[in-house]
Amino acid sequence: MAYRKTPAEIRRLEAAREHLVACATSVVAEVGWAQASVTAVADAAGIAAGSVYQHFPSKAALAVEVFRRAAAREVTVVGEVLQGDGDPVLRLRRGVDVFARRALENRGLAHALLVAPADPKVGAERIDYRRRYHTLFAEVVHEGMAAGLLPKQNGGITAAALTGAIGEVLADPLAAHDESAGGELIAELTAMALRCAGAPPAP
């Protein structure tokens, strides 16, 4: 008869896995994907390196889980703003603002999510992450056109331009951990986003 884990054992393993992912996320935010070795993550979690493989078959699998969870949180937060209250232009401005502020508040993790060199499997997840932002931006641009607040345009192209430009503008400050980059950068970035979509400048 095959051994079956008890509910208490399952809960313990799930808690250990959650702790491991949280520690791995912190390590990645601090040193990047390349330096986030299994040993470094295990040390942060207070376990033996071999114990990591009880939860993930490889470093790449752990990295993918870290990326998926962190990216999902960011997409959810920005999506709530882009799909929330207010007219489409206001939501676009607020969405870009929130995106940039959250990135600058956690520069290491944002750099890892947006641009840092990573395993190809993480790279594949990054492409999906960008597609999700693209979809959100395209929706709000199309709503703006329908409401007569934005000029007629190809919403998909505008969304692609926004997705790429935001990451590009933030890349250098995030990589350099430039603490001086803040309010002025965010103001310029949101103004650029509005110009890209053809919206009037924010008051």
Protein backbone atom coordinates (compact mmCIF):
# COMPACT_ATOMS: atom_id res chain seq x y z
CA MET A 1 0.00 0.00 0.00
CA ALA A 2 1.45 3.37 -1.01
CA TYR A 3 2.29 5.76 1.80
CA ARG A 4 -0.06 8.74 2.01
CA LYS A 5 0.98 11.96 3.69
CA THR A 6 -1.15 13.09 6.61
CA PRO A 7 -2.89 16.47 6.50
CA ALA A 8 -0.38 17.75 9.07
CA GLU A 9 2.54 16.67 6.88
CA ILE A 10 0.99 18.31 3.81
CA ARG A 11 0.52 21.56 5.72
CA ARG A 12 4.10 21.43 6.95
CA LEU A 13 5.45 20.87 3.44
CA GLU A 14 3.30 23.66 2.01
CA ALA A 15 4.49 26.05 4.71
CA ALA A 16 8.12 25.09 4.05
CA ARG A 17 7.63 25.63 0.33
CA GLU A 18 6.06 29.06 0.89
CA HIS A 19 8.94 30.04 3.16
CA LEU A 20 11.44 28.87 0.56
CA VAL A 21 9.79 30.88 -2.22
CA ALA A 22 9.67 34.00 -0.02
CA CYS A 23 13.36 33.65 0.83
CA ALA A 24 14.25 33.02 -2.82
CA THR A 25 12.35 36.17 -3.82
CA SER A 26 14.33 38.21 -1.31
CA VAL A 27 17.62 36.77 -2.55
CA VAL A 28 16.74 37.49 -6.19
CA ALA A 29 15.77 41.07 -5.29
CA GLU A 30 19.11 41.52 -3.56
CA VAL A 31 21.57 39.83 -5.94
CA GLY A 32 19.70 39.02 -9.18
CA TRP A 33 18.96 35.75 -10.90
CA ALA A 34 22.52 34.74 -11.72
CA GLN A 35 23.77 35.02 -8.15
CA ALA A 36 20.67 33.51 -6.56
CA SER A 37 22.19 30.05 -6.28
CA VAL A 38 20.48 27.13 -4.59
CA THR A 39 23.03 27.44 -1.79
CA ALA A 40 22.31 31.15 -1.33
CA VAL A 41 18.58 30.53 -1.20
CA ALA A 42 18.98 27.60 1.17
CA ASP A 43 21.14 29.71 3.50
CA ALA A 44 18.51 32.45 3.49
CA ALA A 45 15.83 29.89 4.30
CA GLY A 46 17.92 28.26 7.02
CA ILE A 47 17.92 24.82 5.40
CA ALA A 48 20.42 22.51 3.70
CA ALA A 49 20.86 23.02 -0.02
CA GLY A 50 19.65 19.48 -0.67
CA SER A 51 16.34 20.28 1.02
CA VAL A 52 15.52 22.77 -1.73
CA TYR A 53 15.15 19.85 -4.14
CA GLN A 54 12.42 18.35 -1.97
CA HIS A 55 10.23 21.19 -3.20
CA PHE A 56 11.64 22.06 -6.65
CA PRO A 57 13.39 19.76 -9.12
CA SER A 58 15.88 22.45 -10.21
CA LYS A 59 17.07 26.00 -9.66
CA ALA A 60 15.23 26.98 -12.85
CA ALA A 61 11.94 25.60 -11.52
CA LEU A 62 12.34 27.62 -8.32
CA ALA A 63 13.21 30.74 -10.33
CA VAL A 64 10.11 30.32 -12.48
CA GLU A 65 7.93 30.07 -9.38
CA VAL A 66 9.53 33.19 -7.90
CA PHE A 67 8.98 35.09 -11.14
CA ARG A 68 5.37 33.93 -11.58
CA ARG A 69 4.34 34.96 -8.10
CA ALA A 70 6.12 38.31 -8.06
CA ALA A 71 4.94 39.20 -11.57
CA ALA A 72 1.36 38.18 -10.78
CA ARG A 73 1.30 40.52 -7.79
CA GLU A 74 2.49 43.46 -9.87
CA VAL A 75 0.13 42.79 -12.77
CA THR A 76 -2.78 42.45 -10.35
CA VAL A 77 -2.06 45.77 -8.65
CA VAL A 78 -1.61 47.70 -11.90
CA GLY A 79 -4.61 45.93 -13.43
CA GLU A 80 -6.85 47.00 -10.56
CA VAL A 81 -5.95 50.62 -11.29
CA LEU A 82 -6.27 50.37 -15.08
CA GLN A 83 -9.64 48.64 -14.74
CA GLY A 84 -10.84 50.65 -11.75
CA ASP A 85 -12.73 53.87 -11.25
CA GLY A 86 -12.37 57.01 -13.33
CA ASP A 87 -12.26 57.78 -17.01
CA PRO A 88 -9.82 55.82 -19.21
CA VAL A 89 -7.24 58.63 -19.47
CA LEU A 90 -7.16 59.09 -15.70
CA ARG A 91 -6.79 55.33 -15.23
CA LEU A 92 -3.96 55.22 -17.77
CA ARG A 93 -2.08 57.95 -15.94
CA ARG A 94 -2.66 56.34 -12.56
CA GLY A 95 -1.68 52.90 -13.86
CA VAL A 96 1.67 54.12 -15.18
CA ASP A 97 2.22 56.04 -11.94
CA VAL A 98 1.55 52.98 -9.80
CA PHE A 99 3.73 50.77 -12.02
CA ALA A 100 6.68 53.16 -11.71
CA ARG A 101 6.26 53.86 -8.01
CA ARG A 102 6.15 50.18 -7.11
CA ALA A 103 9.22 49.51 -9.24
CA LEU A 104 11.19 52.29 -7.59
CA GLU A 105 10.12 51.14 -4.13
CA ASN A 106 11.54 47.65 -4.75
CA ARG A 107 14.26 48.29 -7.31
CA GLY A 108 16.03 44.96 -7.05
CA LEU A 109 12.93 42.89 -7.61
CA ALA A 110 11.64 45.20 -10.34
CA HIS A 111 14.96 44.97 -12.17
CA ALA A 112 14.78 41.16 -11.94
CA LEU A 113 11.24 41.13 -13.32
CA LEU A 114 11.80 43.63 -16.11
CA VAL A 115 15.30 43.30 -17.53
CA ALA A 116 17.85 41.28 -15.54
CA PRO A 117 19.48 38.34 -17.40
CA ALA A 118 17.79 35.11 -16.40
CA ASP A 119 17.35 31.45 -17.25
CA PRO A 120 15.51 30.94 -20.58
CA LYS A 121 12.54 29.50 -18.69
CA VAL A 122 12.27 32.72 -16.71
CA GLY A 123 12.64 34.61 -19.99
CA ALA A 124 9.61 32.78 -21.35
CA GLU A 125 7.64 33.82 -18.27
CA ARG A 126 8.78 37.41 -18.79
CA ILE A 127 7.29 37.40 -22.28
CA ASP A 128 3.95 36.29 -20.85
CA TYR A 129 4.24 38.98 -18.16
CA ARG A 130 4.67 41.65 -20.83
CA ARG A 131 1.70 40.27 -22.78
CA ARG A 132 -0.50 40.69 -19.74
CA TYR A 133 0.52 44.33 -19.38
CA HIS A 134 0.01 44.79 -23.11
CA THR A 135 -3.54 43.47 -22.81
CA LEU A 136 -4.33 45.82 -19.91
CA PHE A 137 -2.97 48.88 -21.68
CA ALA A 138 -4.74 47.97 -24.91
CA GLU A 139 -8.06 47.70 -23.08
CA VAL A 140 -7.79 51.14 -21.50
CA VAL A 141 -6.68 52.74 -24.78
CA HIS A 142 -9.64 51.21 -26.60
CA GLU A 143 -11.96 52.45 -23.85
CA GLY A 144 -10.46 55.92 -24.24
CA MET A 145 -11.16 55.90 -27.97
CA ALA A 146 -14.72 54.67 -27.43
CA ALA A 147 -15.31 57.49 -24.95
CA GLY A 148 -13.92 60.09 -27.35
CA LEU A 149 -11.07 60.90 -24.96
CA LEU A 150 -8.29 59.49 -27.14
CA PRO A 151 -7.78 59.88 -30.89
CA LYS A 152 -8.41 56.97 -33.22
CA GLN A 153 -5.36 54.71 -33.29
CA ASN A 154 -4.21 51.10 -33.28
CA GLY A 155 -4.65 50.31 -29.61
CA GLY A 156 -2.46 47.23 -29.80
CA ILE A 157 0.49 49.20 -31.18
CA THR A 158 0.05 51.92 -28.57
CA ALA A 159 -0.11 49.30 -25.82
CA ALA A 160 3.07 47.64 -27.11
CA ALA A 161 4.81 51.01 -27.20
CA LEU A 162 3.73 51.76 -23.63
CA THR A 163 4.78 48.37 -22.32
CA GLY A 164 8.20 48.60 -23.92
CA ALA A 165 8.82 52.26 -23.11
CA ILE A 166 7.96 51.96 -19.42
CA GLY A 167 10.41 49.11 -18.94
CA GLU A 168 13.11 50.91 -20.96
CA VAL A 169 12.74 54.18 -19.03
CA LEU A 170 12.95 52.36 -15.69
CA ALA A 171 15.78 49.97 -16.65
CA ASP A 172 18.78 52.21 -15.94
CA PRO A 173 17.57 53.68 -12.62
CA LEU A 174 16.63 50.21 -11.43
CA ALA A 175 19.94 48.65 -12.50
CA ALA A 176 21.93 51.42 -10.88
CA HIS A 177 19.69 51.47 -7.78
CA ASP A 178 19.56 55.21 -8.34
CA GLU A 179 17.89 56.48 -5.19
CA SER A 180 17.69 59.98 -6.66
CA ALA A 181 15.27 58.79 -9.34
CA GLY A 182 11.78 59.44 -8.07
CA GLY A 183 9.08 62.01 -8.48
CA GLU A 184 10.53 63.75 -11.53
CA LEU A 185 11.08 60.44 -13.33
CA ILE A 186 7.53 59.31 -12.58
CA ALA A 187 6.10 62.62 -13.77
CA GLU A 188 8.04 62.42 -17.03
CA LEU A 189 7.05 58.79 -17.53
CA THR A 190 3.33 59.42 -17.02
CA ALA A 191 3.48 62.45 -19.32
CA MET A 192 5.18 60.33 -21.97
CA ALA A 193 2.48 57.68 -21.65
CA LEU A 194 -0.27 60.24 -22.13
CA ARG A 195 1.49 61.70 -25.20
CA CYS A 196 1.93 58.21 -26.62
CA ALA A 197 -1.80 57.57 -26.36
CA GLY A 198 -2.68 61.04 -27.69
CA ALA A 199 -4.20 62.25 -24.44
CA PRO A 200 -4.01 65.87 -23.26
CA PRO A 201 -1.35 66.49 -20.59
CA ALA A 202 -2.37 65.97 -16.99
CA PRO A 203 -3.27 69.13 -15.07
